[in-house]
Amino acid sequence: MRPLRRRTTALTTAALLTTGLAVSLAGVPSAGAVADRGDPDRFHASCRTAIEGSRATASCHNPYPETDRIRLHVECARWWDIDADSAPVDVGPAGYAELTDRCWKEIREVWVTHERP
């Protein structure tokens, strides 16, 4: 009688695990569902910014199928130092761009803006 009880316990445990896995996977959207939801930010290139002294650099990669127009903005720390805005650069699908700009002295803030061309 004991072997049957162990086997029943093992089968019950396996059934519960399988059911739990099916329930947890039911909440995960498929790749097609994510692409079809019309997310307005699917054109944004991913950008990293770095500041070295008075020079700022933005490295951007666009993994999406739409072109992204990016600009680097640099706010200088000194009131008399002129802030800098780069010219817009179009980054196509799977494209890469690096933008640099500088202040005369210290940099207060750096950011990248995105827009549709």
N, C-alpha and C. Protein backbone atom coordinates (compact mmCIF):
# COMPACT_ATOMS: atom_id res chain seq x y z
N MET A 1 0.82 -1.19 0.00
CA MET A 1 0.00 0.00 0.00
C MET A 1 0.86 1.25 0.00
N ARG A 2 1.99 1.23 0.65
CA ARG A 2 2.86 2.41 0.71
C ARG A 2 3.36 2.83 -0.67
N PRO A 3 3.84 1.94 -1.52
CA PRO A 3 4.32 2.38 -2.83
C PRO A 3 3.24 3.09 -3.64
N LEU A 4 2.00 2.64 -3.51
CA LEU A 4 0.92 3.30 -4.23
C LEU A 4 0.71 4.72 -3.70
N ARG A 5 0.80 4.91 -2.40
CA ARG A 5 0.64 6.23 -1.80
C ARG A 5 1.76 7.17 -2.27
N ARG A 6 2.98 6.70 -2.31
CA ARG A 6 4.08 7.53 -2.79
C ARG A 6 3.89 7.91 -4.25
N ARG A 7 3.46 6.93 -5.02
CA ARG A 7 3.25 7.20 -6.44
C ARG A 7 2.13 8.23 -6.61
N THR A 8 1.08 8.12 -5.85
CA THR A 8 -0.02 9.07 -5.92
C THR A 8 0.45 10.46 -5.52
N THR A 9 1.28 10.54 -4.49
CA THR A 9 1.82 11.82 -4.05
C THR A 9 2.70 12.44 -5.13
N ALA A 10 3.53 11.61 -5.76
CA ALA A 10 4.40 12.11 -6.84
C ALA A 10 3.58 12.60 -8.01
N LEU A 11 2.53 11.86 -8.38
CA LEU A 11 1.69 12.27 -9.50
C LEU A 11 0.93 13.56 -9.16
N THR A 12 0.46 13.68 -7.92
CA THR A 12 -0.25 14.89 -7.51
C THR A 12 0.69 16.09 -7.53
N THR A 13 1.92 15.92 -7.07
CA THR A 13 2.91 17.00 -7.09
C THR A 13 3.22 17.41 -8.52
N ALA A 14 3.39 16.44 -9.42
CA ALA A 14 3.68 16.74 -10.82
C ALA A 14 2.51 17.47 -11.46
N ALA A 15 1.29 17.06 -11.14
CA ALA A 15 0.11 17.72 -11.70
C ALA A 15 0.00 19.16 -11.21
N LEU A 16 0.29 19.38 -9.93
CA LEU A 16 0.24 20.74 -9.39
C LEU A 16 1.30 21.63 -10.01
N LEU A 17 2.50 21.10 -10.20
CA LEU A 17 3.57 21.88 -10.82
C LEU A 17 3.23 22.23 -12.26
N THR A 18 2.68 21.27 -12.99
CA THR A 18 2.30 21.52 -14.38
C THR A 18 1.20 22.57 -14.46
N THR A 19 0.21 22.48 -13.59
CA THR A 19 -0.87 23.46 -13.56
C THR A 19 -0.35 24.84 -13.19
N GLY A 20 0.55 24.90 -12.21
CA GLY A 20 1.13 26.19 -11.81
C GLY A 20 1.92 26.82 -12.94
N LEU A 21 2.66 26.01 -13.69
CA LEU A 21 3.43 26.52 -14.81
C LEU A 21 2.50 27.05 -15.89
N ALA A 22 1.43 26.32 -16.18
CA ALA A 22 0.48 26.76 -17.20
C ALA A 22 -0.19 28.06 -16.80
N VAL A 23 -0.54 28.20 -15.53
CA VAL A 23 -1.18 29.42 -15.06
C VAL A 23 -0.21 30.60 -15.12
N SER A 24 1.06 30.37 -14.74
CA SER A 24 2.02 31.47 -14.76
C SER A 24 2.36 31.89 -16.18
N LEU A 25 2.40 30.95 -17.12
CA LEU A 25 2.69 31.30 -18.51
C LEU A 25 1.51 31.95 -19.20
N ALA A 26 0.31 31.73 -18.69
CA ALA A 26 -0.87 32.33 -19.31
C ALA A 26 -0.85 33.85 -19.19
N GLY A 27 -0.20 34.39 -18.18
CA GLY A 27 -0.14 35.84 -18.00
C GLY A 27 0.97 36.51 -18.78
N VAL A 28 1.88 35.75 -19.39
CA VAL A 28 2.99 36.31 -20.14
C VAL A 28 2.55 36.53 -21.58
N PRO A 29 2.60 37.76 -22.10
CA PRO A 29 2.20 38.00 -23.48
C PRO A 29 3.22 37.44 -24.44
N SER A 30 2.75 37.03 -25.59
CA SER A 30 3.67 36.54 -26.62
C SER A 30 4.37 37.72 -27.27
N ALA A 31 5.41 37.45 -28.04
CA ALA A 31 6.16 38.52 -28.69
C ALA A 31 5.27 39.29 -29.66
N GLY A 32 4.36 38.60 -30.33
CA GLY A 32 3.46 39.27 -31.27
C GLY A 32 2.51 40.22 -30.56
N ALA A 33 2.07 39.84 -29.36
CA ALA A 33 1.15 40.69 -28.61
C ALA A 33 1.83 41.97 -28.17
N VAL A 34 3.11 41.89 -27.80
CA VAL A 34 3.84 43.09 -27.39
C VAL A 34 4.04 44.01 -28.58
N ALA A 35 4.35 43.46 -29.74
CA ALA A 35 4.59 44.28 -30.93
C ALA A 35 3.30 44.91 -31.45
N ASP A 36 2.15 44.25 -31.22
CA ASP A 36 0.89 44.74 -31.77
C ASP A 36 0.18 45.74 -30.88
N ARG A 37 0.68 46.01 -29.69
CA ARG A 37 -0.07 46.86 -28.79
C ARG A 37 0.03 48.35 -29.12
N GLY A 38 0.86 48.74 -30.09
CA GLY A 38 0.94 50.13 -30.51
C GLY A 38 1.64 51.03 -29.51
N ASP A 39 2.69 50.56 -28.90
CA ASP A 39 3.43 51.34 -27.91
C ASP A 39 4.04 52.56 -28.60
N PRO A 40 3.71 53.80 -28.15
CA PRO A 40 4.22 54.99 -28.83
C PRO A 40 5.72 55.20 -28.66
N ASP A 41 6.36 54.53 -27.69
CA ASP A 41 7.79 54.72 -27.46
C ASP A 41 8.64 53.71 -28.18
N ARG A 42 8.12 53.01 -29.16
CA ARG A 42 8.88 51.97 -29.83
C ARG A 42 9.91 52.54 -30.82
N PHE A 43 10.00 53.85 -30.93
CA PHE A 43 11.00 54.41 -31.82
C PHE A 43 12.19 54.99 -31.06
N HIS A 44 12.12 55.04 -29.74
CA HIS A 44 13.19 55.66 -28.95
C HIS A 44 14.47 54.85 -28.97
N ALA A 45 15.54 55.46 -29.41
CA ALA A 45 16.85 54.83 -29.32
C ALA A 45 17.27 54.81 -27.85
N SER A 46 18.01 53.79 -27.47
CA SER A 46 18.52 53.77 -26.09
C SER A 46 19.85 54.52 -26.08
N CYS A 47 19.97 55.47 -25.16
CA CYS A 47 21.15 56.34 -25.12
C CYS A 47 21.80 56.30 -23.75
N ARG A 48 23.12 56.35 -23.76
CA ARG A 48 23.91 56.49 -22.54
C ARG A 48 24.69 57.79 -22.64
N THR A 49 24.73 58.54 -21.56
CA THR A 49 25.48 59.79 -21.55
C THR A 49 26.67 59.67 -20.61
N ALA A 50 27.71 60.38 -20.96
CA ALA A 50 28.92 60.40 -20.13
C ALA A 50 29.45 61.82 -20.10
N ILE A 51 29.96 62.22 -18.94
CA ILE A 51 30.56 63.54 -18.78
C ILE A 51 32.01 63.35 -18.36
N GLU A 52 32.92 63.95 -19.12
CA GLU A 52 34.34 63.93 -18.79
C GLU A 52 34.82 65.38 -18.78
N GLY A 53 34.97 65.92 -17.58
CA GLY A 53 35.40 67.32 -17.46
C GLY A 53 34.34 68.25 -18.01
N SER A 54 34.67 68.97 -19.07
CA SER A 54 33.72 69.90 -19.67
C SER A 54 33.11 69.35 -20.96
N ARG A 55 33.33 68.09 -21.26
CA ARG A 55 32.83 67.48 -22.49
C ARG A 55 31.79 66.41 -22.16
N ALA A 56 30.66 66.44 -22.89
CA ALA A 56 29.59 65.46 -22.72
C ALA A 56 29.45 64.64 -24.00
N THR A 57 29.18 63.35 -23.83
CA THR A 57 29.02 62.44 -24.96
C THR A 57 27.76 61.62 -24.76
N ALA A 58 26.99 61.43 -25.82
CA ALA A 58 25.83 60.55 -25.81
C ALA A 58 26.04 59.48 -26.86
N SER A 59 25.94 58.23 -26.46
CA SER A 59 26.06 57.09 -27.37
C SER A 59 24.68 56.46 -27.48
N CYS A 60 24.11 56.43 -28.69
CA CYS A 60 22.74 55.97 -28.88
C CYS A 60 22.67 54.85 -29.91
N HIS A 61 21.87 53.84 -29.60
CA HIS A 61 21.61 52.72 -30.50
C HIS A 61 20.10 52.59 -30.65
N ASN A 62 19.64 52.44 -31.89
CA ASN A 62 18.20 52.31 -32.15
C ASN A 62 17.87 50.87 -32.52
N PRO A 63 17.27 50.10 -31.59
CA PRO A 63 16.93 48.71 -31.89
C PRO A 63 15.58 48.56 -32.59
N TYR A 64 14.85 49.64 -32.82
CA TYR A 64 13.50 49.57 -33.35
C TYR A 64 13.46 49.81 -34.85
N PRO A 65 12.36 49.41 -35.52
CA PRO A 65 12.29 49.54 -36.98
C PRO A 65 11.95 50.94 -37.48
N GLU A 66 11.75 51.90 -36.58
CA GLU A 66 11.46 53.27 -36.99
C GLU A 66 12.64 54.19 -36.69
N THR A 67 12.81 55.22 -37.51
CA THR A 67 13.89 56.18 -37.33
C THR A 67 13.60 57.09 -36.14
N ASP A 68 14.64 57.41 -35.39
CA ASP A 68 14.54 58.30 -34.23
C ASP A 68 15.46 59.50 -34.46
N ARG A 69 14.94 60.69 -34.27
CA ARG A 69 15.75 61.90 -34.40
C ARG A 69 16.16 62.32 -32.99
N ILE A 70 17.46 62.32 -32.73
CA ILE A 70 17.96 62.61 -31.38
C ILE A 70 18.74 63.92 -31.37
N ARG A 71 18.78 64.55 -30.19
CA ARG A 71 19.58 65.75 -29.96
C ARG A 71 20.18 65.67 -28.57
N LEU A 72 21.41 66.11 -28.45
CA LEU A 72 22.09 66.18 -27.16
C LEU A 72 21.97 67.60 -26.63
N HIS A 73 21.58 67.71 -25.36
CA HIS A 73 21.45 69.01 -24.71
C HIS A 73 22.38 69.05 -23.51
N VAL A 74 23.17 70.11 -23.42
CA VAL A 74 24.14 70.27 -22.33
C VAL A 74 23.85 71.59 -21.63
N GLU A 75 23.60 71.50 -20.32
CA GLU A 75 23.41 72.70 -19.51
C GLU A 75 24.68 72.94 -18.71
N CYS A 76 25.28 74.09 -18.90
CA CYS A 76 26.53 74.43 -18.23
C CYS A 76 26.27 74.93 -16.81
N ALA A 77 27.24 74.71 -15.93
CA ALA A 77 27.08 75.07 -14.51
C ALA A 77 27.21 76.58 -14.28
N ARG A 78 28.06 77.26 -15.02
CA ARG A 78 28.29 78.70 -14.82
C ARG A 78 27.23 79.52 -15.55
N TRP A 79 26.79 80.60 -14.95
CA TRP A 79 25.74 81.41 -15.56
C TRP A 79 26.19 82.05 -16.87
N TRP A 80 27.47 82.34 -17.01
CA TRP A 80 27.97 83.01 -18.20
C TRP A 80 28.35 82.04 -19.32
N ASP A 81 28.37 80.75 -18.99
CA ASP A 81 28.72 79.72 -19.99
C ASP A 81 27.50 79.38 -20.83
N ILE A 82 27.64 79.37 -22.13
CA ILE A 82 26.52 79.16 -23.04
C ILE A 82 26.16 77.67 -23.10
N ASP A 83 24.88 77.36 -22.85
CA ASP A 83 24.41 75.98 -22.97
C ASP A 83 24.49 75.54 -24.42
N ALA A 84 24.57 74.24 -24.63
CA ALA A 84 24.74 73.71 -25.98
C ALA A 84 23.63 72.73 -26.33
N ASP A 85 23.12 72.84 -27.55
CA ASP A 85 22.15 71.91 -28.12
C ASP A 85 22.70 71.45 -29.46
N SER A 86 22.86 70.14 -29.63
CA SER A 86 23.44 69.65 -30.88
C SER A 86 22.41 69.73 -32.00
N ALA A 87 22.91 69.61 -33.20
CA ALA A 87 22.02 69.51 -34.36
C ALA A 87 21.32 68.15 -34.30
N PRO A 88 20.09 68.07 -34.80
CA PRO A 88 19.39 66.78 -34.77
C PRO A 88 20.06 65.76 -35.68
N VAL A 89 20.09 64.52 -35.20
CA VAL A 89 20.69 63.42 -35.96
C VAL A 89 19.66 62.31 -36.06
N ASP A 90 19.42 61.82 -37.29
CA ASP A 90 18.50 60.71 -37.49
C ASP A 90 19.24 59.39 -37.32
N VAL A 91 18.70 58.54 -36.44
CA VAL A 91 19.27 57.21 -36.21
C VAL A 91 18.26 56.21 -36.76
N GLY A 92 18.63 55.55 -37.85
CA GLY A 92 17.74 54.58 -38.49
C GLY A 92 17.67 53.27 -37.73
N PRO A 93 16.88 52.34 -38.23
CA PRO A 93 16.76 51.03 -37.59
C PRO A 93 18.12 50.35 -37.48
N ALA A 94 18.42 49.83 -36.31
CA ALA A 94 19.70 49.17 -36.00
C ALA A 94 20.88 50.12 -36.17
N GLY A 95 20.63 51.41 -36.13
CA GLY A 95 21.69 52.40 -36.30
C GLY A 95 22.31 52.82 -34.99
N TYR A 96 23.47 53.48 -35.10
CA TYR A 96 24.23 53.95 -33.94
C TYR A 96 24.70 55.37 -34.22
N ALA A 97 24.64 56.22 -33.21
CA ALA A 97 25.14 57.59 -33.34
C ALA A 97 25.81 58.00 -32.04
N GLU A 98 26.82 58.83 -32.18
CA GLU A 98 27.51 59.38 -31.00
C GLU A 98 27.54 60.89 -31.15
N LEU A 99 27.01 61.59 -30.15
CA LEU A 99 26.97 63.05 -30.17
C LEU A 99 27.84 63.58 -29.04
N THR A 100 28.58 64.65 -29.32
CA THR A 100 29.40 65.28 -28.29
C THR A 100 29.18 66.78 -28.31
N ASP A 101 29.33 67.39 -27.15
CA ASP A 101 29.27 68.84 -27.03
C ASP A 101 30.00 69.21 -25.75
N ARG A 102 30.19 70.51 -25.53
CA ARG A 102 30.98 70.89 -24.36
C ARG A 102 30.58 72.25 -23.82
N CYS A 103 31.03 72.49 -22.61
CA CYS A 103 30.94 73.80 -21.97
C CYS A 103 32.38 74.31 -21.79
N TRP A 104 32.54 75.58 -21.45
CA TRP A 104 33.88 76.09 -21.18
C TRP A 104 34.38 75.57 -19.84
N LYS A 105 33.47 75.49 -18.88
CA LYS A 105 33.83 75.01 -17.53
C LYS A 105 33.00 73.77 -17.21
N GLU A 106 32.44 73.71 -16.01
CA GLU A 106 31.72 72.52 -15.55
C GLU A 106 30.37 72.35 -16.25
N ILE A 107 29.91 71.09 -16.28
CA ILE A 107 28.60 70.75 -16.83
C ILE A 107 27.65 70.48 -15.67
N ARG A 108 26.46 71.06 -15.75
CA ARG A 108 25.44 70.83 -14.71
C ARG A 108 24.58 69.62 -15.05
N GLU A 109 24.11 69.54 -16.30
CA GLU A 109 23.17 68.49 -16.67
C GLU A 109 23.30 68.17 -18.15
N VAL A 110 23.05 66.89 -18.49
CA VAL A 110 23.09 66.43 -19.88
C VAL A 110 21.86 65.55 -20.11
N TRP A 111 21.19 65.72 -21.26
CA TRP A 111 20.08 64.84 -21.60
C TRP A 111 19.93 64.76 -23.11
N VAL A 112 19.20 63.74 -23.53
CA VAL A 112 18.96 63.49 -24.96
C VAL A 112 17.46 63.55 -25.18
N THR A 113 17.04 64.24 -26.26
CA THR A 113 15.63 64.26 -26.61
C THR A 113 15.42 63.43 -27.87
N HIS A 114 14.21 62.88 -27.99
CA HIS A 114 13.84 62.02 -29.11
C HIS A 114 12.60 62.59 -29.78
N GLU A 115 12.55 62.49 -31.10
CA GLU A 115 11.33 62.89 -31.83
C GLU A 115 11.26 62.08 -33.11
N ARG A 116 10.06 61.99 -33.63
CA ARG A 116 9.86 61.30 -34.91
C ARG A 116 10.26 62.26 -36.04
N PRO A 117 10.98 61.76 -37.01
CA PRO A 117 11.39 62.65 -38.13
C PRO A 117 10.22 63.01 -39.02
